[in-house]
Amino acid sequence: MVTGGAGYIGSHVVRALTDGGIDAVVLDDLSSGFESFIPEGVPFVKASILETEKVRAALVEHGVQGVIHCAGYKYAGESVKLPIHTYRQNVEGTACLLEAMADAGVTQARVLLVRWRLRHPGRRGRQRDHPHHAGVALRRVQGSSASGSSATR
């Protein structure tokens, strides 16, 4: 399962998994993602990671063995304006996800932490946070999953 799999980063993770022959299911509340970003044929569950029972049911229904957690509220300016909302989404949401995983017997998890930053015109040298390096992160995630076609599903 890829939480936040309808977002820009999450949808690329889903594509990397499916391109590698690994089944995936997407869980996303579409608060900042788009259903059209999800590759055709990938099961989609519209739910928030805060909805523990819905997440648990999706994990069981889809026979999920592992989770790549990409869901989260990542807008720096908004997090200053709405700190409680950001905390609830990121901290409480992750706790709800972990609770649902424990209830469903899912023990494999990866948290994908990716920082995106525009290239500053005055900077020189390698920009590790530049979107160009997203492919490296995706290959690492893909390479870290267990063997078999249902490692993430």
C-alpha atoms as a PDB file:
ATOM      1  CA  MET A   1       0.000   0.000   0.000  1.00  0.00           C
ATOM      2  CA  VAL A   2       1.178   3.495  -0.796  1.00  0.00           C
ATOM      3  CA  THR A   3      -0.410   6.158   1.397  1.00  0.00           C
ATOM      4  CA  GLY A   4      -0.586   9.476  -0.404  1.00  0.00           C
ATOM      5  CA  GLY A   5      -0.315   7.538  -3.665  1.00  0.00           C
ATOM      6  CA  ALA A   6      -2.452  10.059  -5.552  1.00  0.00           C
ATOM      7  CA  GLY A   7       0.029  12.855  -4.863  1.00  0.00           C
ATOM      8  CA  TYR A   8       2.952  13.804  -7.056  1.00  0.00           C
ATOM      9  CA  ILE A   9       5.606  11.862  -5.134  1.00  0.00           C
ATOM     10  CA  GLY A  10       3.356   8.981  -4.104  1.00  0.00           C
ATOM     11  CA  SER A  11       2.106   8.397  -7.641  1.00  0.00           C
ATOM     12  CA  HIS A  12       5.704   8.110  -8.849  1.00  0.00           C
ATOM     13  CA  VAL A  13       6.387   5.565  -6.117  1.00  0.00           C
ATOM     14  CA  VAL A  14       3.328   3.592  -7.273  1.00  0.00           C
ATOM     15  CA  ARG A  15       4.576   3.690 -10.873  1.00  0.00           C
ATOM     16  CA  ALA A  16       8.046   2.524  -9.821  1.00  0.00           C
ATOM     17  CA  LEU A  17       6.526  -0.379  -7.915  1.00  0.00           C
ATOM     18  CA  THR A  18       4.174  -1.462 -10.668  1.00  0.00           C
ATOM     19  CA  ASP A  19       6.873  -1.028 -13.321  1.00  0.00           C
ATOM     20  CA  GLY A  20       8.976  -3.385 -11.180  1.00  0.00           C
ATOM     21  CA  GLY A  21       6.200  -5.984 -11.096  1.00  0.00           C
ATOM     22  CA  ILE A  22       5.114  -5.225  -7.533  1.00  0.00           C
ATOM     23  CA  ASP A  23       1.377  -5.007  -6.888  1.00  0.00           C
ATOM     24  CA  ALA A  24       0.243  -1.848  -5.112  1.00  0.00           C
ATOM     25  CA  VAL A  25      -2.902  -0.299  -3.690  1.00  0.00           C
ATOM     26  CA  VAL A  26      -3.269   3.450  -3.110  1.00  0.00           C
ATOM     27  CA  LEU A  27      -4.813   5.012  -0.019  1.00  0.00           C
ATOM     28  CA  ASP A  28      -5.352   8.771  -0.309  1.00  0.00           C
ATOM     29  CA  ASP A  29      -7.952  11.303   0.835  1.00  0.00           C
ATOM     30  CA  LEU A  30      -7.376  13.458  -2.275  1.00  0.00           C
ATOM     31  CA  SER A  31      -6.852  16.564  -0.136  1.00  0.00           C
ATOM     32  CA  SER A  32      -3.865  17.464  -2.313  1.00  0.00           C
ATOM     33  CA  GLY A  33      -3.656  14.515  -4.712  1.00  0.00           C
ATOM     34  CA  PHE A  34      -5.607  13.616  -7.817  1.00  0.00           C
ATOM     35  CA  GLU A  35      -7.224  10.302  -8.643  1.00  0.00           C
ATOM     36  CA  SER A  36      -6.042  10.778 -12.232  1.00  0.00           C
ATOM     37  CA  PHE A  37      -2.417  10.465 -10.995  1.00  0.00           C
ATOM     38  CA  ILE A  38      -3.012   6.828  -9.994  1.00  0.00           C
ATOM     39  CA  PRO A  39      -1.935   4.402 -12.712  1.00  0.00           C
ATOM     40  CA  GLU A  40      -4.738   2.518 -14.408  1.00  0.00           C
ATOM     41  CA  GLY A  41      -5.545  -0.811 -12.801  1.00  0.00           C
ATOM     42  CA  VAL A  42      -4.134   0.082  -9.365  1.00  0.00           C
ATOM     43  CA  PRO A  43      -6.790  -0.289  -6.627  1.00  0.00           C
ATOM     44  CA  PHE A  44      -7.709   3.006  -4.944  1.00  0.00           C
ATOM     45  CA  VAL A  45      -9.134   3.529  -1.454  1.00  0.00           C
ATOM     46  CA  LYS A  46     -10.354   7.052  -0.721  1.00  0.00           C
ATOM     47  CA  ALA A  47      -9.637   7.533   2.971  1.00  0.00           C
ATOM     48  CA  SER A  48      -7.525   9.610   5.307  1.00  0.00           C
ATOM     49  CA  ILE A  49      -4.742   7.995   7.326  1.00  0.00           C
ATOM     50  CA  LEU A  50      -6.614   9.454  10.333  1.00  0.00           C
ATOM     51  CA  GLU A  51      -9.472   7.016   9.652  1.00  0.00           C
ATOM     52  CA  THR A  52      -7.957   4.036  11.444  1.00  0.00           C
ATOM     53  CA  GLU A  53     -10.846   1.632  10.804  1.00  0.00           C
ATOM     54  CA  LYS A  54     -11.024   2.420   7.063  1.00  0.00           C
ATOM     55  CA  VAL A  55      -7.253   1.993   6.772  1.00  0.00           C
ATOM     56  CA  ARG A  56      -7.386  -1.319   8.676  1.00  0.00           C
ATOM     57  CA  ALA A  57     -10.223  -2.574   6.474  1.00  0.00           C
ATOM     58  CA  ALA A  58      -8.302  -1.623   3.310  1.00  0.00           C
ATOM     59  CA  LEU A  59      -5.163  -3.376   4.553  1.00  0.00           C
ATOM     60  CA  VAL A  60      -7.137  -6.562   5.204  1.00  0.00           C
ATOM     61  CA  GLU A  61      -9.282  -6.376   2.057  1.00  0.00           C
ATOM     62  CA  HIS A  62      -6.273  -5.984  -0.219  1.00  0.00           C
ATOM     63  CA  GLY A  63      -4.019  -8.440   1.605  1.00  0.00           C
ATOM     64  CA  VAL A  64      -1.410  -5.738   2.196  1.00  0.00           C
ATOM     65  CA  GLN A  65       1.960  -6.999   3.430  1.00  0.00           C
ATOM     66  CA  GLY A  66       3.805  -3.662   3.549  1.00  0.00           C
ATOM     67  CA  VAL A  67       3.209   0.087   3.475  1.00  0.00           C
ATOM     68  CA  ILE A  68       5.146   2.932   1.922  1.00  0.00           C
ATOM     69  CA  HIS A  69       3.946   6.014   3.775  1.00  0.00           C
ATOM     70  CA  CYS A  70       3.973   9.148   1.598  1.00  0.00           C
ATOM     71  CA  ALA A  71       0.853  10.825   3.014  1.00  0.00           C
ATOM     72  CA  GLY A  72       1.413  13.965   4.991  1.00  0.00           C
ATOM     73  CA  TYR A  73       0.800  17.661   5.110  1.00  0.00           C
ATOM     74  CA  LYS A  74       3.980  19.201   3.728  1.00  0.00           C
ATOM     75  CA  TYR A  75       3.268  22.839   3.055  1.00  0.00           C
ATOM     76  CA  ALA A  76       5.716  24.854   5.179  1.00  0.00           C
ATOM     77  CA  GLY A  77       3.857  28.170   5.026  1.00  0.00           C
ATOM     78  CA  GLU A  78       0.547  26.557   5.873  1.00  0.00           C
ATOM     79  CA  SER A  79       2.083  24.548   8.715  1.00  0.00           C
ATOM     80  CA  VAL A  80       2.981  27.834  10.412  1.00  0.00           C
ATOM     81  CA  LYS A  81      -0.561  29.138   9.931  1.00  0.00           C
ATOM     82  CA  LEU A  82      -2.205  25.815  10.888  1.00  0.00           C
ATOM     83  CA  PRO A  83       0.168  24.039  13.289  1.00  0.00           C
ATOM     84  CA  ILE A  84      -2.511  21.900  14.958  1.00  0.00           C
ATOM     85  CA  HIS A  85      -3.843  20.736  11.584  1.00  0.00           C
ATOM     86  CA  THR A  86      -0.327  19.851  10.438  1.00  0.00           C
ATOM     87  CA  TYR A  87       0.408  18.000  13.688  1.00  0.00           C
ATOM     88  CA  ARG A  88      -2.862  16.087  13.435  1.00  0.00           C
ATOM     89  CA  GLN A  89      -2.238  15.065   9.838  1.00  0.00           C
ATOM     90  CA  ASN A  90       1.411  14.134  10.231  1.00  0.00           C
ATOM     91  CA  VAL A  91       1.838  12.868  13.788  1.00  0.00           C
ATOM     92  CA  GLU A  92      -1.614  11.599  14.705  1.00  0.00           C
ATOM     93  CA  GLY A  93      -2.184  10.355  11.152  1.00  0.00           C
ATOM     94  CA  THR A  94       0.998   8.293  11.245  1.00  0.00           C
ATOM     95  CA  ALA A  95       0.012   6.901  14.659  1.00  0.00           C
ATOM     96  CA  CYS A  96      -3.415   5.926  13.267  1.00  0.00           C
ATOM     97  CA  LEU A  97      -1.747   4.256  10.277  1.00  0.00           C
ATOM     98  CA  LEU A  98       0.617   2.297  12.541  1.00  0.00           C
ATOM     99  CA  GLU A  99      -2.313   1.230  14.736  1.00  0.00           C
ATOM    100  CA  ALA A 100      -4.255   0.015  11.699  1.00  0.00           C
ATOM    101  CA  MET A 101      -1.189  -1.849  10.447  1.00  0.00           C
ATOM    102  CA  ALA A 102      -0.715  -3.544  13.826  1.00  0.00           C
ATOM    103  CA  ASP A 103      -4.395  -4.539  13.936  1.00  0.00           C
ATOM    104  CA  ALA A 104      -4.143  -5.981  10.418  1.00  0.00           C
ATOM    105  CA  GLY A 105      -0.851  -7.779  11.094  1.00  0.00           C
ATOM    106  CA  VAL A 106       1.150  -5.685   8.619  1.00  0.00           C
ATOM    107  CA  THR A 107       4.740  -5.429   9.829  1.00  0.00           C
ATOM    108  CA  GLN A 108       6.635  -4.008   6.852  1.00  0.00           C
ATOM    109  CA  ALA A 109       6.752  -0.223   6.492  1.00  0.00           C
ATOM    110  CA  ARG A 110       8.851   2.390   4.739  1.00  0.00           C
ATOM    111  CA  VAL A 111       8.477   6.107   5.279  1.00  0.00           C
ATOM    112  CA  LEU A 112       9.488   8.115   2.247  1.00  0.00           C
ATOM    113  CA  LEU A 113      10.845  11.489   3.286  1.00  0.00           C
ATOM    114  CA  VAL A 114      11.557  13.658   0.302  1.00  0.00           C
ATOM    115  CA  ARG A 115      12.415  17.341   0.381  1.00  0.00           C
ATOM    116  CA  TRP A 116      11.771  19.377  -2.743  1.00  0.00           C
ATOM    117  CA  ARG A 117      13.514  22.671  -3.293  1.00  0.00           C
ATOM    118  CA  LEU A 118      13.856  24.803  -6.370  1.00  0.00           C
ATOM    119  CA  ARG A 119      17.369  25.363  -7.562  1.00  0.00           C
ATOM    120  CA  HIS A 120      18.617  28.688  -6.313  1.00  0.00           C
ATOM    121  CA  PRO A 121      20.253  30.622  -9.181  1.00  0.00           C
ATOM    122  CA  GLY A 122      23.163  31.684  -6.966  1.00  0.00           C
ATOM    123  CA  ARG A 123      24.018  28.184  -5.762  1.00  0.00           C
ATOM    124  CA  ARG A 124      26.728  26.077  -7.285  1.00  0.00           C
ATOM    125  CA  GLY A 125      27.425  22.396  -7.102  1.00  0.00           C
ATOM    126  CA  ARG A 126      25.202  19.397  -6.733  1.00  0.00           C
ATOM    127  CA  GLN A 127      21.630  19.995  -5.586  1.00  0.00           C
ATOM    128  CA  ARG A 128      20.643  16.823  -3.736  1.00  0.00           C
ATOM    129  CA  ASP A 129      17.178  18.183  -2.945  1.00  0.00           C
ATOM    130  CA  HIS A 130      16.406  18.955  -6.560  1.00  0.00           C
ATOM    131  CA  PRO A 131      13.546  16.950  -8.165  1.00  0.00           C
ATOM    132  CA  HIS A 132      16.133  15.483 -10.569  1.00  0.00           C
ATOM    133  CA  HIS A 133      17.211  13.194  -7.728  1.00  0.00           C
ATOM    134  CA  ALA A 134      13.736  11.741  -7.115  1.00  0.00           C
ATOM    135  CA  GLY A 135      14.534   8.750  -9.329  1.00  0.00           C
ATOM    136  CA  VAL A 136      17.381   7.781  -7.005  1.00  0.00           C
ATOM    137  CA  ALA A 137      15.053   7.837  -3.999  1.00  0.00           C
ATOM    138  CA  LEU A 138      12.458   5.761  -5.837  1.00  0.00           C
ATOM    139  CA  ARG A 139      15.031   3.159  -6.847  1.00  0.00           C
ATOM    140  CA  ARG A 140      16.162   2.923  -3.221  1.00  0.00           C
ATOM    141  CA  VAL A 141      12.564   2.370  -2.064  1.00  0.00           C
ATOM    142  CA  GLN A 142      11.972  -0.194  -4.767  1.00  0.00           C
ATOM    143  CA  GLY A 143      15.231  -1.974  -3.999  1.00  0.00           C
ATOM    144  CA  SER A 144      14.469  -2.112  -0.266  1.00  0.00           C
ATOM    145  CA  SER A 145      11.222  -4.055  -0.628  1.00  0.00           C
ATOM    146  CA  ALA A 146      11.117  -7.780  -0.124  1.00  0.00           C
ATOM    147  CA  SER A 147      11.214 -10.017  -3.158  1.00  0.00           C
ATOM    148  CA  GLY A 148       7.960 -11.144  -4.701  1.00  0.00           C
ATOM    149  CA  SER A 149       5.161  -9.437  -6.553  1.00  0.00           C
ATOM    150  CA  SER A 150       3.134  -8.597  -3.462  1.00  0.00           C
ATOM    151  CA  ALA A 151       5.876  -7.090  -1.307  1.00  0.00           C
ATOM    152  CA  THR A 152       4.103  -3.786  -0.964  1.00  0.00           C
ATOM    153  CA  ARG A 153       0.565  -4.865  -1.518  1.00  0.00           C
END
